[in-house]
Amino acid sequence: GLGGKGAPLTAFAGRQGGNPSVHWNSYLGKRIMVYGGWDQDAYISASDDLIHWATPRLLVASDQPDGRAWYPTILGESGDALAGRAARLYYADIAAGYASRKFYGRSIVFTRYD
C-alpha cells in the first residue's frame, strides 16, 4: 500500500480477480502480472513501478462453455520470478460446476506492452 496503508490499484477497477502471479520481464523492462478474473477469464497487466499498472487485457478464456481460465502463471528460464522475450504460460481450464479441470501450457512471445 501507499504510505503504509492498503490502496486499491485503480487500473483493476472493473477487472478484479485473484491469485496474481508477478514476474520481472527483462525484455520489456517491466513487471508483468497475470491473474484469474472474477468474470472467469485470465488477464495480463504491466507496471514500471509496482504502483501504477496498465489497464488489464484479456490473456486467455476458457475453451469450455461456462468454463473458467484460472491460476495463470508465466514461467521463464529461471522459474516464475523472471522471464524474457520468450516464456511459457500455464493455466487451468475448469469446467462449469468444477466437473473437470484441464491444465494447459503454451509458448508466448513478448513483443511490447504499452
C-alpha atoms as a PDB file:
ATOM      1  CA  GLY A   1       0.000   0.000   0.000  1.00  0.00           C
ATOM      2  CA  LEU A   2       0.930   3.631  -0.282  1.00  0.00           C
ATOM      3  CA  GLY A   3       2.179   5.305   2.898  1.00  0.00           C
ATOM      4  CA  GLY A   4       1.918   2.054   4.844  1.00  0.00           C
ATOM      5  CA  LYS A   5      -1.806   1.684   4.123  1.00  0.00           C
ATOM      6  CA  GLY A   6      -3.571  -0.558   1.671  1.00  0.00           C
ATOM      7  CA  ALA A   7      -4.583   1.263  -1.503  1.00  0.00           C
ATOM      8  CA  PRO A   8      -6.683  -0.087  -4.365  1.00  0.00           C
ATOM      9  CA  LEU A   9      -4.922  -0.381  -7.697  1.00  0.00           C
ATOM     10  CA  THR A  10      -7.246   1.721  -9.819  1.00  0.00           C
ATOM     11  CA  ALA A  11      -6.251   0.093 -13.120  1.00  0.00           C
ATOM     12  CA  PHE A  12      -8.018  -3.097 -11.978  1.00  0.00           C
ATOM     13  CA  ALA A  13     -11.420  -1.479 -11.315  1.00  0.00           C
ATOM     14  CA  GLY A  14     -13.917  -3.487 -13.347  1.00  0.00           C
ATOM     15  CA  ARG A  15     -11.370  -6.289 -13.859  1.00  0.00           C
ATOM     16  CA  GLN A  16     -10.968  -7.610 -10.320  1.00  0.00           C
ATOM     17  CA  GLY A  17      -9.724 -11.114  -9.661  1.00  0.00           C
ATOM     18  CA  GLY A  18      -7.423 -13.253  -7.588  1.00  0.00           C
ATOM     19  CA  ASN A  19      -4.321 -15.419  -7.466  1.00  0.00           C
ATOM     20  CA  PRO A  20      -1.947 -12.943  -9.129  1.00  0.00           C
ATOM     21  CA  SER A  21       1.433 -14.035 -10.385  1.00  0.00           C
ATOM     22  CA  VAL A  22       4.038 -11.292 -10.965  1.00  0.00           C
ATOM     23  CA  HIS A  23       7.399 -11.598 -12.703  1.00  0.00           C
ATOM     24  CA  TRP A  24      10.118  -9.226 -13.905  1.00  0.00           C
ATOM     25  CA  ASN A  25      10.269  -9.252 -17.683  1.00  0.00           C
ATOM     26  CA  SER A  26      13.839  -8.443 -18.704  1.00  0.00           C
ATOM     27  CA  TYR A  27      12.892  -7.998 -22.361  1.00  0.00           C
ATOM     28  CA  LEU A  28      10.181  -5.404 -21.637  1.00  0.00           C
ATOM     29  CA  GLY A  29      11.850  -3.876 -18.583  1.00  0.00           C
ATOM     30  CA  LYS A  30       8.546  -4.146 -16.697  1.00  0.00           C
ATOM     31  CA  ARG A  31       6.775  -6.188 -14.060  1.00  0.00           C
ATOM     32  CA  ILE A  32       4.091  -8.381 -15.603  1.00  0.00           C
ATOM     33  CA  MET A  33       1.063  -9.594 -13.654  1.00  0.00           C
ATOM     34  CA  VAL A  34      -1.289 -12.368 -14.722  1.00  0.00           C
ATOM     35  CA  TYR A  35      -4.357 -13.345 -12.713  1.00  0.00           C
ATOM     36  CA  GLY A  36      -7.757 -15.021 -12.880  1.00  0.00           C
ATOM     37  CA  GLY A  37     -10.624 -12.562 -13.166  1.00  0.00           C
ATOM     38  CA  TRP A  38     -13.868 -12.968 -11.251  1.00  0.00           C
ATOM     39  CA  ASP A  39     -15.550 -12.991 -14.691  1.00  0.00           C
ATOM     40  CA  GLN A  40     -13.838 -16.392 -15.349  1.00  0.00           C
ATOM     41  CA  ASP A  41     -11.179 -15.113 -17.816  1.00  0.00           C
ATOM     42  CA  ALA A  42      -7.429 -14.660 -17.237  1.00  0.00           C
ATOM     43  CA  TYR A  43      -5.837 -11.217 -17.600  1.00  0.00           C
ATOM     44  CA  ILE A  44      -2.424  -9.614 -18.016  1.00  0.00           C
ATOM     45  CA  SER A  45      -1.141  -6.183 -16.960  1.00  0.00           C
ATOM     46  CA  ALA A  46       2.234  -4.405 -16.757  1.00  0.00           C
ATOM     47  CA  SER A  47       3.892  -1.908 -14.407  1.00  0.00           C
ATOM     48  CA  ASP A  48       7.086   0.123 -14.288  1.00  0.00           C
ATOM     49  CA  ASP A  49       6.927   0.691 -10.526  1.00  0.00           C
ATOM     50  CA  LEU A  50       4.504  -1.872  -8.966  1.00  0.00           C
ATOM     51  CA  ILE A  51       2.162   1.014  -8.061  1.00  0.00           C
ATOM     52  CA  HIS A  52       0.831   2.167 -11.426  1.00  0.00           C
ATOM     53  CA  TRP A  53      -0.496  -0.634 -13.626  1.00  0.00           C
ATOM     54  CA  ALA A  54      -1.710  -0.694 -17.223  1.00  0.00           C
ATOM     55  CA  THR A  55      -5.374  -1.488 -17.812  1.00  0.00           C
ATOM     56  CA  PRO A  56      -5.607  -5.292 -17.810  1.00  0.00           C
ATOM     57  CA  ARG A  57      -6.032  -7.077 -21.127  1.00  0.00           C
ATOM     58  CA  LEU A  58      -7.632 -10.440 -21.787  1.00  0.00           C
ATOM     59  CA  LEU A  59      -4.933 -13.101 -21.767  1.00  0.00           C
ATOM     60  CA  VAL A  60      -6.937 -16.301 -22.220  1.00  0.00           C
ATOM     61  CA  ALA A  61     -10.534 -17.501 -21.933  1.00  0.00           C
ATOM     62  CA  SER A  62     -11.865 -20.979 -21.237  1.00  0.00           C
ATOM     63  CA  ASP A  63     -12.383 -23.368 -24.140  1.00  0.00           C
ATOM     64  CA  GLN A  64     -15.407 -24.839 -22.345  1.00  0.00           C
ATOM     65  CA  PRO A  65     -18.973 -23.491 -22.140  1.00  0.00           C
ATOM     66  CA  ASP A  66     -19.272 -21.569 -18.849  1.00  0.00           C
ATOM     67  CA  GLY A  67     -15.704 -22.617 -18.001  1.00  0.00           C
ATOM     68  CA  ARG A  68     -13.047 -20.692 -16.107  1.00  0.00           C
ATOM     69  CA  ALA A  69      -9.481 -19.903 -17.192  1.00  0.00           C
ATOM     70  CA  TRP A  70      -7.811 -19.573 -13.805  1.00  0.00           C
ATOM     71  CA  TYR A  71      -4.493 -19.734 -11.987  1.00  0.00           C
ATOM     72  CA  PRO A  72      -2.325 -18.349 -14.807  1.00  0.00           C
ATOM     73  CA  THR A  73       1.426 -18.281 -14.318  1.00  0.00           C
ATOM     74  CA  ILE A  74       4.234 -17.288 -16.674  1.00  0.00           C
ATOM     75  CA  LEU A  75       7.474 -19.223 -16.397  1.00  0.00           C
ATOM     76  CA  GLY A  76      10.784 -18.070 -17.792  1.00  0.00           C
ATOM     77  CA  GLU A  77      14.113 -19.872 -17.891  1.00  0.00           C
ATOM     78  CA  SER A  78      14.592 -19.449 -14.136  1.00  0.00           C
ATOM     79  CA  GLY A  79      11.075 -20.055 -12.833  1.00  0.00           C
ATOM     80  CA  ASP A  80       8.169 -17.698 -12.186  1.00  0.00           C
ATOM     81  CA  ALA A  81      10.121 -14.636 -10.995  1.00  0.00           C
ATOM     82  CA  LEU A  82      11.978 -13.773 -14.224  1.00  0.00           C
ATOM     83  CA  ALA A  83      11.154 -14.112 -17.905  1.00  0.00           C
ATOM     84  CA  GLY A  84      12.421 -12.584 -21.116  1.00  0.00           C
ATOM     85  CA  ARG A  85      11.046 -12.279 -24.627  1.00  0.00           C
ATOM     86  CA  ALA A  86      10.052 -15.970 -24.813  1.00  0.00           C
ATOM     87  CA  ALA A  87       8.285 -17.715 -21.941  1.00  0.00           C
ATOM     88  CA  ARG A  88       5.603 -20.286 -21.158  1.00  0.00           C
ATOM     89  CA  LEU A  89       2.078 -19.614 -19.948  1.00  0.00           C
ATOM     90  CA  TYR A  90       0.396 -22.254 -17.779  1.00  0.00           C
ATOM     91  CA  TYR A  91      -3.217 -22.151 -16.553  1.00  0.00           C
ATOM     92  CA  ALA A  92      -6.158 -24.308 -15.531  1.00  0.00           C
ATOM     93  CA  ASP A  93      -9.297 -24.535 -17.671  1.00  0.00           C
ATOM     94  CA  ILE A  94     -12.055 -25.501 -15.246  1.00  0.00           C
ATOM     95  CA  ALA A  95     -15.389 -26.864 -16.499  1.00  0.00           C
ATOM     96  CA  ALA A  96     -18.717 -25.454 -15.305  1.00  0.00           C
ATOM     97  CA  GLY A  97     -19.572 -26.672 -11.827  1.00  0.00           C
ATOM     98  CA  TYR A  98     -15.933 -27.731 -11.346  1.00  0.00           C
ATOM     99  CA  ALA A  99     -16.805 -31.008 -13.109  1.00  0.00           C
ATOM    100  CA  SER A 100     -13.273 -31.307 -14.512  1.00  0.00           C
ATOM    101  CA  ARG A 101     -10.035 -29.405 -14.843  1.00  0.00           C
ATOM    102  CA  LYS A 102      -7.561 -29.398 -17.723  1.00  0.00           C
ATOM    103  CA  PHE A 103      -4.104 -27.892 -17.413  1.00  0.00           C
ATOM    104  CA  TYR A 104      -2.674 -26.056 -20.398  1.00  0.00           C
ATOM    105  CA  GLY A 105       0.782 -24.834 -21.299  1.00  0.00           C
ATOM    106  CA  ARG A 106       1.689 -22.736 -24.305  1.00  0.00           C
ATOM    107  CA  SER A 107       4.612 -20.734 -25.559  1.00  0.00           C
ATOM    108  CA  ILE A 108       4.257 -16.954 -25.532  1.00  0.00           C
ATOM    109  CA  VAL A 109       6.471 -14.257 -27.004  1.00  0.00           C
ATOM    110  CA  PHE A 110       6.515 -10.703 -25.645  1.00  0.00           C
ATOM    111  CA  THR A 111       6.986  -8.025 -28.279  1.00  0.00           C
ATOM    112  CA  ARG A 112       5.861  -4.932 -26.351  1.00  0.00           C
ATOM    113  CA  TYR A 113       3.458  -3.797 -23.676  1.00  0.00           C
ATOM    114  CA  ASP A 114       2.049  -0.312 -23.897  1.00  0.00           C
END
